Amino acid sequence: MRKQLTGDFNQRKLARLVTIMELLSSDSGSSVNALMKSTGVSQRSIYRYLNMFDSSGYTIIKSNNKFRFTNLSLTTSNNGN
């Protein structure tokens, strides 16, 4: 039973991460309140997520009380294929 609870927790956390990434990827960005409402977590948790993205190498800017990613791009290498 404990293993199932851990799996559910990880799925919820992953879903929150994806939601936050989607909101921060929009041109207009997102306020902390909007992030809280969309994910159901506290203000402190939102700032933890923002710090996690920042420490992972994502550049986050704040403008008009909204946060957003800047220069977010996915690069792939096809190694000549």
C-alpha atoms as a PDB file:
ATOM      1  CA  MET A   1       0.000   0.000   0.000  1.00  0.00           C
ATOM      2  CA  ARG A   2       2.799   2.436   0.818  1.00  0.00           C
ATOM      3  CA  LYS A   3       4.342   1.968  -2.619  1.00  0.00           C
ATOM      4  CA  GLN A   4       1.023   2.931  -4.262  1.00  0.00           C
ATOM      5  CA  LEU A   5       0.787   6.103  -2.168  1.00  0.00           C
ATOM      6  CA  THR A   6       4.297   7.089  -3.196  1.00  0.00           C
ATOM      7  CA  GLY A   7       3.415   6.520  -6.853  1.00  0.00           C
ATOM      8  CA  ASP A   8       0.277   8.647  -6.554  1.00  0.00           C
ATOM      9  CA  PHE A   9       2.290  11.410  -4.883  1.00  0.00           C
ATOM     10  CA  ASN A  10       4.909  11.375  -7.641  1.00  0.00           C
ATOM     11  CA  GLN A  11       2.223  11.506 -10.332  1.00  0.00           C
ATOM     12  CA  ARG A  12       0.578  14.518  -8.674  1.00  0.00           C
ATOM     13  CA  LYS A  13       3.925  16.258  -8.335  1.00  0.00           C
ATOM     14  CA  LEU A  14       4.750  15.567 -11.982  1.00  0.00           C
ATOM     15  CA  ALA A  15       1.340  16.883 -13.030  1.00  0.00           C
ATOM     16  CA  ARG A  16       1.993  20.091 -11.052  1.00  0.00           C
ATOM     17  CA  LEU A  17       5.417  20.489 -12.690  1.00  0.00           C
ATOM     18  CA  VAL A  18       3.921  20.123 -16.168  1.00  0.00           C
ATOM     19  CA  THR A  19       1.146  22.598 -15.359  1.00  0.00           C
ATOM     20  CA  ILE A  20       3.642  25.147 -14.052  1.00  0.00           C
ATOM     21  CA  MET A  21       5.885  24.678 -17.085  1.00  0.00           C
ATOM     22  CA  GLU A  22       2.945  25.222 -19.435  1.00  0.00           C
ATOM     23  CA  LEU A  23       1.892  28.403 -17.639  1.00  0.00           C
ATOM     24  CA  LEU A  24       5.439  29.784 -17.479  1.00  0.00           C
ATOM     25  CA  SER A  25       5.954  28.996 -21.161  1.00  0.00           C
ATOM     26  CA  SER A  26       3.137  31.275 -22.297  1.00  0.00           C
ATOM     27  CA  ASP A  27       4.092  34.682 -23.664  1.00  0.00           C
ATOM     28  CA  SER A  28       2.175  36.453 -20.908  1.00  0.00           C
ATOM     29  CA  GLY A  29       3.558  34.299 -18.086  1.00  0.00           C
ATOM     30  CA  SER A  30       1.662  33.645 -14.886  1.00  0.00           C
ATOM     31  CA  SER A  31       1.280  35.217 -11.466  1.00  0.00           C
ATOM     32  CA  VAL A  32       1.989  33.306  -8.280  1.00  0.00           C
ATOM     33  CA  ASN A  33      -1.730  33.415  -7.454  1.00  0.00           C
ATOM     34  CA  ALA A  34      -2.631  31.894 -10.830  1.00  0.00           C
ATOM     35  CA  LEU A  35       0.007  29.183 -10.353  1.00  0.00           C
ATOM     36  CA  MET A  36      -1.380  28.448  -6.889  1.00  0.00           C
ATOM     37  CA  LYS A  37      -4.919  28.210  -8.213  1.00  0.00           C
ATOM     38  CA  SER A  38      -3.921  25.969 -11.127  1.00  0.00           C
ATOM     39  CA  THR A  39      -1.896  23.557  -9.003  1.00  0.00           C
ATOM     40  CA  GLY A  40      -3.628  23.685  -5.614  1.00  0.00           C
ATOM     41  CA  VAL A  41      -0.414  24.281  -3.685  1.00  0.00           C
ATOM     42  CA  SER A  42       0.721  27.040  -1.342  1.00  0.00           C
ATOM     43  CA  GLN A  43       2.587  30.197  -2.250  1.00  0.00           C
ATOM     44  CA  ARG A  44       5.703  28.782  -0.587  1.00  0.00           C
ATOM     45  CA  SER A  45       5.479  25.648  -2.745  1.00  0.00           C
ATOM     46  CA  ILE A  46       5.218  27.763  -5.896  1.00  0.00           C
ATOM     47  CA  TYR A  47       8.413  29.584  -4.951  1.00  0.00           C
ATOM     48  CA  ARG A  48      10.088  26.210  -4.311  1.00  0.00           C
ATOM     49  CA  TYR A  49       9.096  25.097  -7.819  1.00  0.00           C
ATOM     50  CA  LEU A  50      10.385  28.371  -9.301  1.00  0.00           C
ATOM     51  CA  ASN A  51      13.683  27.930  -7.451  1.00  0.00           C
ATOM     52  CA  MET A  52      13.906  24.329  -8.631  1.00  0.00           C
ATOM     53  CA  PHE A  53      13.479  25.387 -12.266  1.00  0.00           C
ATOM     54  CA  ASP A  54      16.044  28.152 -11.789  1.00  0.00           C
ATOM     55  CA  SER A  55      18.603  25.811 -10.227  1.00  0.00           C
ATOM     56  CA  SER A  56      17.977  23.340 -13.068  1.00  0.00           C
ATOM     57  CA  GLY A  57      19.117  25.914 -15.616  1.00  0.00           C
ATOM     58  CA  TYR A  58      15.824  27.452 -16.729  1.00  0.00           C
ATOM     59  CA  THR A  59      15.843  31.223 -16.944  1.00  0.00           C
ATOM     60  CA  ILE A  60      12.783  32.735 -15.286  1.00  0.00           C
ATOM     61  CA  ILE A  61      11.999  36.424 -15.479  1.00  0.00           C
ATOM     62  CA  LYS A  62       9.484  38.422 -13.491  1.00  0.00           C
ATOM     63  CA  SER A  63       7.625  41.265 -15.152  1.00  0.00           C
ATOM     64  CA  ASN A  64       4.454  42.986 -13.948  1.00  0.00           C
ATOM     65  CA  ASN A  65       4.109  40.453 -11.096  1.00  0.00           C
ATOM     66  CA  LYS A  66       4.128  37.561 -13.569  1.00  0.00           C
ATOM     67  CA  PHE A  67       6.795  34.933 -14.018  1.00  0.00           C
ATOM     68  CA  ARG A  68       7.720  33.317 -17.315  1.00  0.00           C
ATOM     69  CA  PHE A  69      10.488  31.353 -18.918  1.00  0.00           C
ATOM     70  CA  THR A  70      12.744  33.193 -21.287  1.00  0.00           C
ATOM     71  CA  ASN A  71      14.675  31.595 -24.118  1.00  0.00           C
ATOM     72  CA  LEU A  72      13.000  28.265 -23.495  1.00  0.00           C
ATOM     73  CA  SER A  73      13.742  25.951 -26.367  1.00  0.00           C
ATOM     74  CA  LEU A  74      14.125  22.287 -26.852  1.00  0.00           C
ATOM     75  CA  THR A  75      17.097  21.187 -28.848  1.00  0.00           C
ATOM     76  CA  THR A  76      17.627  17.778 -30.286  1.00  0.00           C
ATOM     77  CA  SER A  77      20.519  16.195 -31.999  1.00  0.00           C
ATOM     78  CA  ASN A  78      19.820  13.738 -34.751  1.00  0.00           C
ATOM     79  CA  ASN A  79      23.530  12.809 -35.136  1.00  0.00           C
ATOM     80  CA  GLY A  80      23.321  13.037 -38.885  1.00  0.00           C
ATOM     81  CA  ASN A  81      20.093  11.038 -39.187  1.00  0.00           C
END
